[in-house]
Amino acid sequence: MRNPVGPLPSSIYWRRRAVAGLLVALLAALIAWAVTSVNGGGTKDDGKPGGSDPVESITPGPGSSGPKITQRPGGRDESEDSEGAENSGGSDGSNGDTSGAGSEGGSGSDTGSGSDGTSTGGADTAGAGGGGTGSGGSAAGRQVPADSPLPECKPGALELTLRTKVSYGPDDRPKFEILARNTSSAACKTDLGPKNVVLTVTEAGEDNDDVIWSSKDCPAAPGPLFFQVPAGATIVHTVDWNRARSAPNCATPPPGKAAPGTYLLEAKAPDTPLRRASFVLKKD
């Protein structure tokens, strides 16, 4: 083995042995590396918790800035319910709304016209007079006898408003509304009779103060007309006028009815400033 036998020099044989040995060693190294890689990879994969698959990213939901659902089950909103209840019974005497029994009257004595065709003046007035008939109250109030144990409303606790339409056609019967609002915390009664709250109609004009009609001239029911006004509520008393003229103490009035033109409606009541509203009787 140490002394090669052959026709060639011994150095050549030693070189061949060295190359063969290197090849064997290299092949052994490759086999060992392959075995190590396979075993090591399996161990590494087995060591991963839950496998080696990549974890999916979770997309966050809408942030707090997104729209929120505020409606209650059933499709009704408490704010809308309360708002609807407030609007259905309330109206403002300063803008001439006529949306029901509830109303809040303005305090000024000047007349004004609302966007819905009404003329208003903050005041109290009511009752039936010659040519006029009164109809009582609203759902918020009811007529009570004069001797009712309810206390009478104090002047400072009762706000009165006068209201009528801006114009009436030739066949229309003018309606005058008296709105009484109780600003106190207790129910009370108020007299809206034709002689306690007096309505008068005059022709509009600086030099003309002749009364065409007054609720106190010849009322069908001259006595008091008390209504209960609940705490914080408003009642409405409506007076219809048939356009007939009237005279004091049921005297014979001038013939004929009120002619087309512009008229001034006034309301006078104890401890209450004079209130005015204007309206027009159209020719056609």
C-alpha atoms as a PDB file:
ATOM      1  CA  MET A   1       0.000   0.000   0.000  1.00  0.00           C
ATOM      2  CA  ARG A   2       2.770   2.430   0.816  1.00  0.00           C
ATOM      3  CA  ASN A   3       4.734   1.556  -2.280  1.00  0.00           C
ATOM      4  CA  PRO A   4       2.410   1.617  -5.261  1.00  0.00           C
ATOM      5  CA  VAL A   5       3.147  -0.937  -7.954  1.00  0.00           C
ATOM      6  CA  GLY A   6       2.722   0.049 -11.562  1.00  0.00           C
ATOM      7  CA  PRO A   7       4.407   1.358 -14.629  1.00  0.00           C
ATOM      8  CA  LEU A   8       3.952   4.976 -13.493  1.00  0.00           C
ATOM      9  CA  PRO A   9       5.925   6.832 -10.925  1.00  0.00           C
ATOM     10  CA  SER A  10       4.708   6.405  -7.347  1.00  0.00           C
ATOM     11  CA  SER A  11       3.916  10.168  -6.955  1.00  0.00           C
ATOM     12  CA  ILE A  12       1.136   9.927  -9.505  1.00  0.00           C
ATOM     13  CA  TYR A  13      -0.495   7.130  -7.582  1.00  0.00           C
ATOM     14  CA  TRP A  14      -0.312   9.133  -4.355  1.00  0.00           C
ATOM     15  CA  ARG A  15      -1.948  12.072  -6.057  1.00  0.00           C
ATOM     16  CA  ARG A  16      -4.816   9.869  -7.259  1.00  0.00           C
ATOM     17  CA  ARG A  17      -5.304   8.527  -3.746  1.00  0.00           C
ATOM     18  CA  ALA A  18      -5.433  12.071  -2.354  1.00  0.00           C
ATOM     19  CA  VAL A  19      -8.054  13.198  -4.886  1.00  0.00           C
ATOM     20  CA  ALA A  20     -10.171  10.121  -4.210  1.00  0.00           C
ATOM     21  CA  GLY A  21      -9.974  10.757  -0.478  1.00  0.00           C
ATOM     22  CA  LEU A  22     -10.998  14.379  -0.904  1.00  0.00           C
ATOM     23  CA  LEU A  23     -13.992  13.310  -2.970  1.00  0.00           C
ATOM     24  CA  VAL A  24     -15.049  10.778  -0.337  1.00  0.00           C
ATOM     25  CA  ALA A  25     -14.663  13.366   2.425  1.00  0.00           C
ATOM     26  CA  LEU A  26     -16.646  15.976   0.439  1.00  0.00           C
ATOM     27  CA  LEU A  27     -19.436  13.476  -0.254  1.00  0.00           C
ATOM     28  CA  ALA A  28     -19.596  12.556   3.433  1.00  0.00           C
ATOM     29  CA  ALA A  29     -19.787  16.236   4.367  1.00  0.00           C
ATOM     30  CA  LEU A  30     -22.645  16.821   1.903  1.00  0.00           C
ATOM     31  CA  ILE A  31     -24.605  13.849   3.294  1.00  0.00           C
ATOM     32  CA  ALA A  32     -24.089  15.031   6.878  1.00  0.00           C
ATOM     33  CA  TRP A  33     -25.196  18.581   5.966  1.00  0.00           C
ATOM     34  CA  ALA A  34     -28.318  17.305   4.215  1.00  0.00           C
ATOM     35  CA  VAL A  35     -29.301  15.117   7.178  1.00  0.00           C
ATOM     36  CA  THR A  36     -28.661  17.951   9.625  1.00  0.00           C
ATOM     37  CA  SER A  37     -30.715  20.420   7.553  1.00  0.00           C
ATOM     38  CA  VAL A  38     -33.712  18.088   7.314  1.00  0.00           C
ATOM     39  CA  ASN A  39     -33.738  17.284  11.048  1.00  0.00           C
ATOM     40  CA  GLY A  40     -33.088  20.856  12.112  1.00  0.00           C
ATOM     41  CA  GLY A  41     -35.870  22.256   9.891  1.00  0.00           C
ATOM     42  CA  GLY A  42     -38.401  19.797  11.277  1.00  0.00           C
ATOM     43  CA  THR A  43     -37.461  20.601  14.848  1.00  0.00           C
ATOM     44  CA  LYS A  44     -37.716  24.298  14.148  1.00  0.00           C
ATOM     45  CA  ASP A  45     -41.162  24.032  12.564  1.00  0.00           C
ATOM     46  CA  ASP A  46     -42.421  21.801  15.376  1.00  0.00           C
ATOM     47  CA  GLY A  47     -41.272  24.348  17.918  1.00  0.00           C
ATOM     48  CA  LYS A  48     -43.446  27.109  16.495  1.00  0.00           C
ATOM     49  CA  PRO A  49     -46.649  27.587  18.482  1.00  0.00           C
ATOM     50  CA  GLY A  50     -49.697  26.983  16.332  1.00  0.00           C
ATOM     51  CA  GLY A  51     -47.665  26.087  13.241  1.00  0.00           C
ATOM     52  CA  SER A  52     -45.529  28.245  10.990  1.00  0.00           C
ATOM     53  CA  ASP A  53     -48.320  29.889   9.013  1.00  0.00           C
ATOM     54  CA  PRO A  54     -48.210  33.710   9.120  1.00  0.00           C
ATOM     55  CA  VAL A  55     -50.692  35.351  11.437  1.00  0.00           C
ATOM     56  CA  GLU A  56     -53.444  37.274   9.675  1.00  0.00           C
ATOM     57  CA  SER A  57     -53.632  40.942  10.468  1.00  0.00           C
ATOM     58  CA  ILE A  58     -56.889  42.158  11.984  1.00  0.00           C
ATOM     59  CA  THR A  59     -58.383  45.251  10.396  1.00  0.00           C
ATOM     60  CA  PRO A  60     -59.710  47.595  13.093  1.00  0.00           C
ATOM     61  CA  GLY A  61     -63.390  48.521  12.956  1.00  0.00           C
ATOM     62  CA  PRO A  62     -64.779  52.036  12.591  1.00  0.00           C
ATOM     63  CA  GLY A  63     -63.304  54.530  15.012  1.00  0.00           C
ATOM     64  CA  SER A  64     -65.227  56.649  17.494  1.00  0.00           C
ATOM     65  CA  SER A  65     -65.505  59.387  14.917  1.00  0.00           C
ATOM     66  CA  GLY A  66     -67.873  57.326  12.780  1.00  0.00           C
ATOM     67  CA  PRO A  67     -71.667  57.703  12.908  1.00  0.00           C
ATOM     68  CA  LYS A  68     -73.398  56.322  15.949  1.00  0.00           C
ATOM     69  CA  ILE A  69     -76.844  54.747  16.111  1.00  0.00           C
ATOM     70  CA  THR A  70     -78.900  56.842  18.499  1.00  0.00           C
ATOM     71  CA  GLN A  71     -82.402  55.772  17.580  1.00  0.00           C
ATOM     72  CA  ARG A  72     -84.199  53.524  20.020  1.00  0.00           C
ATOM     73  CA  PRO A  73     -85.704  50.204  18.941  1.00  0.00           C
ATOM     74  CA  GLY A  74     -89.039  50.693  17.243  1.00  0.00           C
ATOM     75  CA  GLY A  75     -87.943  53.672  15.128  1.00  0.00           C
ATOM     76  CA  ARG A  76     -89.060  56.393  17.508  1.00  0.00           C
ATOM     77  CA  ASP A  77     -86.856  59.110  18.872  1.00  0.00           C
ATOM     78  CA  GLU A  78     -87.651  60.494  22.282  1.00  0.00           C
ATOM     79  CA  SER A  79     -86.466  63.944  21.236  1.00  0.00           C
ATOM     80  CA  GLU A  80     -88.812  63.885  18.234  1.00  0.00           C
ATOM     81  CA  ASP A  81     -91.715  62.686  20.392  1.00  0.00           C
ATOM     82  CA  SER A  82     -91.211  65.416  22.924  1.00  0.00           C
ATOM     83  CA  GLU A  83     -90.708  68.013  20.240  1.00  0.00           C
ATOM     84  CA  GLY A  84     -93.829  66.901  18.444  1.00  0.00           C
ATOM     85  CA  ALA A  85     -95.835  67.099  21.678  1.00  0.00           C
ATOM     86  CA  GLU A  86     -94.566  70.589  22.355  1.00  0.00           C
ATOM     87  CA  ASN A  87     -95.291  71.885  18.850  1.00  0.00           C
ATOM     88  CA  SER A  88     -98.723  70.302  18.558  1.00  0.00           C
ATOM     89  CA  GLY A  89    -100.096  72.255  21.512  1.00  0.00           C
ATOM     90  CA  GLY A  90     -97.929  75.351  21.513  1.00  0.00           C
ATOM     91  CA  SER A  91     -97.783  78.518  19.515  1.00  0.00           C
ATOM     92  CA  ASP A  92     -96.082  81.854  19.832  1.00  0.00           C
ATOM     93  CA  GLY A  93     -98.220  84.958  20.061  1.00  0.00           C
ATOM     94  CA  SER A  94     -95.452  87.078  18.525  1.00  0.00           C
ATOM     95  CA  ASN A  95     -95.445  85.305  15.171  1.00  0.00           C
ATOM     96  CA  GLY A  96     -99.149  84.521  14.875  1.00  0.00           C
ATOM     97  CA  ASP A  97     -99.028  80.737  14.812  1.00  0.00           C
ATOM     98  CA  THR A  98    -102.407  79.032  15.232  1.00  0.00           C
ATOM     99  CA  SER A  99    -101.403  75.464  16.029  1.00  0.00           C
ATOM    100  CA  GLY A 100    -103.749  74.473  18.850  1.00  0.00           C
ATOM    101  CA  ALA A 101    -104.624  75.193  22.408  1.00  0.00           C
ATOM    102  CA  GLY A 102    -101.126  75.826  23.724  1.00  0.00           C
ATOM    103  CA  SER A 103     -99.785  79.303  23.012  1.00  0.00           C
ATOM    104  CA  GLU A 104     -97.287  81.758  24.304  1.00  0.00           C
ATOM    105  CA  GLY A 105     -98.269  85.336  23.843  1.00  0.00           C
ATOM    106  CA  GLY A 106     -96.059  88.296  23.156  1.00  0.00           C
ATOM    107  CA  SER A 107     -96.009  91.170  25.571  1.00  0.00           C
ATOM    108  CA  GLY A 108     -96.080  94.085  23.174  1.00  0.00           C
ATOM    109  CA  SER A 109     -99.200  96.106  22.427  1.00  0.00           C
ATOM    110  CA  ASP A 110     -98.434  96.662  18.754  1.00  0.00           C
ATOM    111  CA  THR A 111    -100.141  94.512  16.187  1.00  0.00           C
ATOM    112  CA  GLY A 112     -98.217  92.066  14.020  1.00  0.00           C
ATOM    113  CA  SER A 113     -98.928  89.635  11.260  1.00  0.00           C
ATOM    114  CA  GLY A 114     -97.648  86.058  11.217  1.00  0.00           C
ATOM    115  CA  SER A 115     -96.382  84.091   8.252  1.00  0.00           C
ATOM    116  CA  ASP A 116     -99.482  81.896   8.332  1.00  0.00           C
ATOM    117  CA  GLY A 117    -101.931  84.764   7.887  1.00  0.00           C
ATOM    118  CA  THR A 118    -102.758  85.783  11.456  1.00  0.00           C
ATOM    119  CA  SER A 119    -102.658  89.094  13.259  1.00  0.00           C
ATOM    120  CA  THR A 120    -101.722  89.058  16.917  1.00  0.00           C
ATOM    121  CA  GLY A 121    -101.493  91.254  19.956  1.00  0.00           C
ATOM    122  CA  GLY A 122    -100.449  90.106  23.431  1.00  0.00           C
ATOM    123  CA  ALA A 123    -103.551  90.578  25.519  1.00  0.00           C
ATOM    124  CA  ASP A 124    -106.562  89.034  27.114  1.00  0.00           C
ATOM    125  CA  THR A 125    -110.062  89.263  25.698  1.00  0.00           C
ATOM    126  CA  ALA A 126    -113.090  87.110  25.444  1.00  0.00           C
ATOM    127  CA  GLY A 127    -116.788  86.715  25.658  1.00  0.00           C
ATOM    128  CA  ALA A 128    -119.857  86.973  23.512  1.00  0.00           C
ATOM    129  CA  GLY A 129    -121.320  90.318  22.498  1.00  0.00           C
ATOM    130  CA  GLY A 130    -123.993  91.648  20.223  1.00  0.00           C
ATOM    131  CA  GLY A 131    -123.360  89.887  16.953  1.00  0.00           C
ATOM    132  CA  GLY A 132    -120.708  87.671  18.549  1.00  0.00           C
ATOM    133  CA  THR A 133    -120.746  84.236  20.098  1.00  0.00           C
ATOM    134  CA  GLY A 134    -118.133  82.721  22.388  1.00  0.00           C
ATOM    135  CA  SER A 135    -116.851  79.168  22.364  1.00  0.00           C
ATOM    136  CA  GLY A 136    -114.836  77.933  25.260  1.00  0.00           C
ATOM    137  CA  GLY A 137    -111.436  76.692  26.042  1.00  0.00           C
ATOM    138  CA  SER A 138    -109.291  73.905  24.734  1.00  0.00           C
ATOM    139  CA  ALA A 139    -108.145  70.483  25.820  1.00  0.00           C
ATOM    140  CA  ALA A 140    -105.895  72.202  28.355  1.00  0.00           C
ATOM    141  CA  GLY A 141    -108.740  73.987  30.157  1.00  0.00           C
ATOM    142  CA  ARG A 142    -112.420  73.662  30.938  1.00  0.00           C
ATOM    143  CA  GLN A 143    -115.209  75.960  31.977  1.00  0.00           C
ATOM    144  CA  VAL A 144    -115.869  76.003  35.726  1.00  0.00           C
ATOM    145  CA  PRO A 145    -118.601  77.640  37.814  1.00  0.00           C
ATOM    146  CA  ALA A 146    -117.974  81.037  39.340  1.00  0.00           C
ATOM    147  CA  ASP A 147    -118.059  79.564  42.858  1.00  0.00           C
ATOM    148  CA  SER A 148    -115.432  76.941  42.044  1.00  0.00           C
ATOM    149  CA  PRO A 149    -112.909  76.468  44.878  1.00  0.00           C
ATOM    150  CA  LEU A 150    -110.111  77.160  42.427  1.00  0.00           C
ATOM    151  CA  PRO A 151    -108.390  80.466  43.208  1.00  0.00           C
ATOM    152  CA  GLU A 152    -108.573  83.214  40.634  1.00  0.00           C
ATOM    153  CA  CYS A 153    -105.434  83.734  38.598  1.00  0.00           C
ATOM    154  CA  LYS A 154    -103.261  86.562  39.804  1.00  0.00           C
ATOM    155  CA  PRO A 155    -102.563  89.274  37.227  1.00  0.00           C
ATOM    156  CA  GLY A 156     -98.845  88.636  37.348  1.00  0.00           C
ATOM    157  CA  ALA A 157     -99.303  84.914  36.729  1.00  0.00           C
ATOM    158  CA  LEU A 158    -101.598  85.156  33.694  1.00  0.00           C
ATOM    159  CA  GLU A 159    -100.457  86.159  30.227  1.00  0.00           C
ATOM    160  CA  LEU A 160    -103.156  86.993  27.683  1.00  0.00           C
ATOM    161  CA  THR A 161    -102.822  87.186  23.922  1.00  0.00           C
ATOM    162  CA  LEU A 162    -105.229  88.367  21.221  1.00  0.00           C
ATOM    163  CA  ARG A 163    -105.158  86.723  17.795  1.00  0.00           C
ATOM    164  CA  THR A 164    -107.109  86.810  14.529  1.00  0.00           C
ATOM    165  CA  LYS A 165    -106.531  86.128  10.841  1.00  0.00           C
ATOM    166  CA  VAL A 166    -105.067  88.882   8.714  1.00  0.00           C
ATOM    167  CA  SER A 167    -107.965  88.867   6.251  1.00  0.00           C
ATOM    168  CA  TYR A 168    -111.434  87.400   5.739  1.00  0.00           C
ATOM    169  CA  GLY A 169    -113.352  86.779   2.558  1.00  0.00           C
ATOM    170  CA  PRO A 170    -116.872  88.205   1.988  1.00  0.00           C
ATOM    171  CA  ASP A 171    -118.493  84.985   3.235  1.00  0.00           C
ATOM    172  CA  ASP A 172    -116.130  84.401   6.147  1.00  0.00           C
ATOM    173  CA  ARG A 173    -117.106  84.942   9.767  1.00  0.00           C
ATOM    174  CA  PRO A 174    -114.259  86.664  11.645  1.00  0.00           C
ATOM    175  CA  LYS A 175    -112.934  84.734  14.633  1.00  0.00           C
ATOM    176  CA  PHE A 176    -111.147  86.411  17.523  1.00  0.00           C
ATOM    177  CA  GLU A 177    -109.020  84.183  19.767  1.00  0.00           C
ATOM    178  CA  ILE A 178    -108.120  84.914  23.363  1.00  0.00           C
ATOM    179  CA  LEU A 179    -105.197  82.874  24.679  1.00  0.00           C
ATOM    180  CA  ALA A 180    -104.645  82.679  28.437  1.00  0.00           C
ATOM    181  CA  ARG A 181    -101.380  81.235  29.720  1.00  0.00           C
ATOM    182  CA  ASN A 182    -100.815  80.360  33.362  1.00  0.00           C
ATOM    183  CA  THR A 183     -97.161  80.977  34.230  1.00  0.00           C
ATOM    184  CA  SER A 184     -97.523  79.927  37.863  1.00  0.00           C
ATOM    185  CA  SER A 185     -96.997  76.502  39.399  1.00  0.00           C
ATOM    186  CA  ALA A 186    -100.624  76.046  40.489  1.00  0.00           C
ATOM    187  CA  ALA A 187    -103.920  75.800  38.616  1.00  0.00           C
ATOM    188  CA  CYS A 188    -106.261  78.773  38.758  1.00  0.00           C
ATOM    189  CA  LYS A 189    -109.397  80.149  37.104  1.00  0.00           C
ATOM    190  CA  THR A 190    -109.884  83.276  35.047  1.00  0.00           C
ATOM    191  CA  ASP A 191    -112.955  85.176  33.852  1.00  0.00           C
ATOM    192  CA  LEU A 192    -113.034  85.498  30.076  1.00  0.00           C
ATOM    193  CA  GLY A 193    -116.606  86.802  30.053  1.00  0.00           C
ATOM    194  CA  PRO A 194    -117.625  89.551  27.585  1.00  0.00           C
ATOM    195  CA  LYS A 195    -117.763  92.261  30.230  1.00  0.00           C
ATOM    196  CA  ASN A 196    -114.547  91.359  31.995  1.00  0.00           C
ATOM    197  CA  VAL A 197    -112.491  90.974  28.865  1.00  0.00           C
ATOM    198  CA  VAL A 198    -113.873  93.404  26.316  1.00  0.00           C
ATOM    199  CA  LEU A 199    -113.348  93.115  22.581  1.00  0.00           C
ATOM    200  CA  THR A 200    -113.981  96.091  20.335  1.00  0.00           C
ATOM    201  CA  VAL A 201    -113.808  96.479  16.571  1.00  0.00           C
ATOM    202  CA  THR A 202    -113.213  99.909  15.012  1.00  0.00           C
ATOM    203  CA  GLU A 203    -112.417 101.082  11.530  1.00  0.00           C
ATOM    204  CA  ALA A 204    -108.690 101.598  11.094  1.00  0.00           C
ATOM    205  CA  GLY A 205    -107.665 105.234  10.746  1.00  0.00           C
ATOM    206  CA  GLU A 206    -106.039 107.922  12.799  1.00  0.00           C
ATOM    207  CA  ASP A 207    -109.175 110.126  13.066  1.00  0.00           C
ATOM    208  CA  ASN A 208    -111.773 107.387  13.260  1.00  0.00           C
ATOM    209  CA  ASP A 209    -112.484 105.869  16.665  1.00  0.00           C
ATOM    210  CA  ASP A 210    -116.136 104.933  16.191  1.00  0.00           C
ATOM    211  CA  VAL A 211    -116.800 101.479  17.614  1.00  0.00           C
ATOM    212  CA  ILE A 212    -118.370  99.146  15.063  1.00  0.00           C
ATOM    213  CA  TRP A 213    -118.871  96.303  17.526  1.00  0.00           C
ATOM    214  CA  SER A 214    -118.139  95.596  21.185  1.00  0.00           C
ATOM    215  CA  SER A 215    -118.513  92.369  23.150  1.00  0.00           C
ATOM    216  CA  LYS A 216    -119.994  94.233  26.143  1.00  0.00           C
ATOM    217  CA  ASP A 217    -122.724  96.132  24.263  1.00  0.00           C
ATOM    218  CA  CYS A 218    -125.372  93.417  24.204  1.00  0.00           C
ATOM    219  CA  PRO A 219    -123.927  90.001  25.081  1.00  0.00           C
ATOM    220  CA  ALA A 220    -126.145  86.938  24.943  1.00  0.00           C
ATOM    221  CA  ALA A 221    -124.631  85.762  28.249  1.00  0.00           C
ATOM    222  CA  PRO A 222    -123.501  88.862  30.149  1.00  0.00           C
ATOM    223  CA  GLY A 223    -122.331  87.010  33.248  1.00  0.00           C
ATOM    224  CA  PRO A 224    -118.815  85.846  34.083  1.00  0.00           C
ATOM    225  CA  LEU A 225    -117.281  83.030  32.092  1.00  0.00           C
ATOM    226  CA  PHE A 226    -114.650  81.261  34.161  1.00  0.00           C
ATOM    227  CA  PHE A 227    -112.152  78.799  32.761  1.00  0.00           C
ATOM    228  CA  GLN A 228    -109.677  76.591  34.565  1.00  0.00           C
ATOM    229  CA  VAL A 229    -106.104  77.250  33.483  1.00  0.00           C
ATOM    230  CA  PRO A 230    -103.732  74.452  34.550  1.00  0.00           C
ATOM    231  CA  ALA A 231    -100.269  75.323  35.784  1.00  0.00           C
ATOM    232  CA  GLY A 232     -97.938  76.114  32.896  1.00  0.00           C
ATOM    233  CA  ALA A 233    -100.710  75.568  30.321  1.00  0.00           C
ATOM    234  CA  THR A 234    -102.547  77.764  27.840  1.00  0.00           C
ATOM    235  CA  ILE A 235    -106.234  77.781  26.956  1.00  0.00           C
ATOM    236  CA  VAL A 236    -107.972  79.373  23.978  1.00  0.00           C
ATOM    237  CA  HIS A 237    -111.363  81.092  23.984  1.00  0.00           C
ATOM    238  CA  THR A 238    -112.779  81.945  20.542  1.00  0.00           C
ATOM    239  CA  VAL A 239    -115.327  84.644  19.774  1.00  0.00           C
ATOM    240  CA  ASP A 240    -117.184  84.614  16.431  1.00  0.00           C
ATOM    241  CA  TRP A 241    -118.395  87.923  14.980  1.00  0.00           C
ATOM    242  CA  ASN A 242    -121.182  87.985  12.376  1.00  0.00           C
ATOM    243  CA  ARG A 243    -120.100  91.442  11.141  1.00  0.00           C
ATOM    244  CA  ALA A 244    -123.210  93.053  12.635  1.00  0.00           C
ATOM    245  CA  ARG A 245    -122.894  96.427  14.339  1.00  0.00           C
ATOM    246  CA  SER A 246    -123.702  96.830  18.033  1.00  0.00           C
ATOM    247  CA  ALA A 247    -124.834  99.617  20.353  1.00  0.00           C
ATOM    248  CA  PRO A 248    -124.377 100.059  24.126  1.00  0.00           C
ATOM    249  CA  ASN A 249    -127.023  98.657  26.474  1.00  0.00           C
ATOM    250  CA  CYS A 250    -128.615  96.673  23.655  1.00  0.00           C
ATOM    251  CA  ALA A 251    -129.839  99.811  21.901  1.00  0.00           C
ATOM    252  CA  THR A 252    -130.758  99.603  18.232  1.00  0.00           C
ATOM    253  CA  PRO A 253    -127.513  99.589  16.242  1.00  0.00           C
ATOM    254  CA  PRO A 254    -127.046 101.297  12.881  1.00  0.00           C
ATOM    255  CA  PRO A 255    -128.388  99.195  10.026  1.00  0.00           C
ATOM    256  CA  GLY A 256    -126.218  97.009   7.849  1.00  0.00           C
ATOM    257  CA  LYS A 257    -123.062  95.086   8.478  1.00  0.00           C
ATOM    258  CA  ALA A 258    -119.433  96.082   8.495  1.00  0.00           C
ATOM    259  CA  ALA A 259    -118.281  97.101   5.032  1.00  0.00           C
ATOM    260  CA  PRO A 260    -115.118  95.810   3.372  1.00  0.00           C
ATOM    261  CA  GLY A 261    -111.995  97.517   4.679  1.00  0.00           C
ATOM    262  CA  THR A 262    -109.330  97.405   7.369  1.00  0.00           C
ATOM    263  CA  TYR A 263    -110.343  97.116  11.003  1.00  0.00           C
ATOM    264  CA  LEU A 264    -108.641  97.348  14.356  1.00  0.00           C
ATOM    265  CA  LEU A 265    -109.397  94.745  17.031  1.00  0.00           C
ATOM    266  CA  GLU A 266    -108.705  95.725  20.649  1.00  0.00           C
ATOM    267  CA  ALA A 267    -108.898  93.813  23.917  1.00  0.00           C
ATOM    268  CA  LYS A 268    -109.248  95.354  27.372  1.00  0.00           C
ATOM    269  CA  ALA A 269    -109.054  93.454  30.647  1.00  0.00           C
ATOM    270  CA  PRO A 270    -108.422  94.416  34.277  1.00  0.00           C
ATOM    271  CA  ASP A 271    -104.757  94.804  35.186  1.00  0.00           C
ATOM    272  CA  THR A 272    -103.771  94.018  31.606  1.00  0.00           C
ATOM    273  CA  PRO A 273    -102.344  96.430  29.012  1.00  0.00           C
ATOM    274  CA  LEU A 274    -104.426  97.185  25.946  1.00  0.00           C
ATOM    275  CA  ARG A 275    -103.780  94.729  23.137  1.00  0.00           C
ATOM    276  CA  ARG A 276    -104.439  95.245  19.438  1.00  0.00           C
ATOM    277  CA  ALA A 277    -104.586  93.252  16.235  1.00  0.00           C
ATOM    278  CA  SER A 278    -105.727  94.285  12.762  1.00  0.00           C
ATOM    279  CA  PHE A 279    -107.609  92.453  10.017  1.00  0.00           C
ATOM    280  CA  VAL A 280    -109.137  93.112   6.626  1.00  0.00           C
ATOM    281  CA  LEU A 281    -112.630  92.357   5.384  1.00  0.00           C
ATOM    282  CA  LYS A 282    -112.195  91.697   1.661  1.00  0.00           C
ATOM    283  CA  LYS A 283    -114.657  92.887  -0.926  1.00  0.00           C
ATOM    284  CA  ASP A 284    -114.420  89.761  -3.074  1.00  0.00           C
END
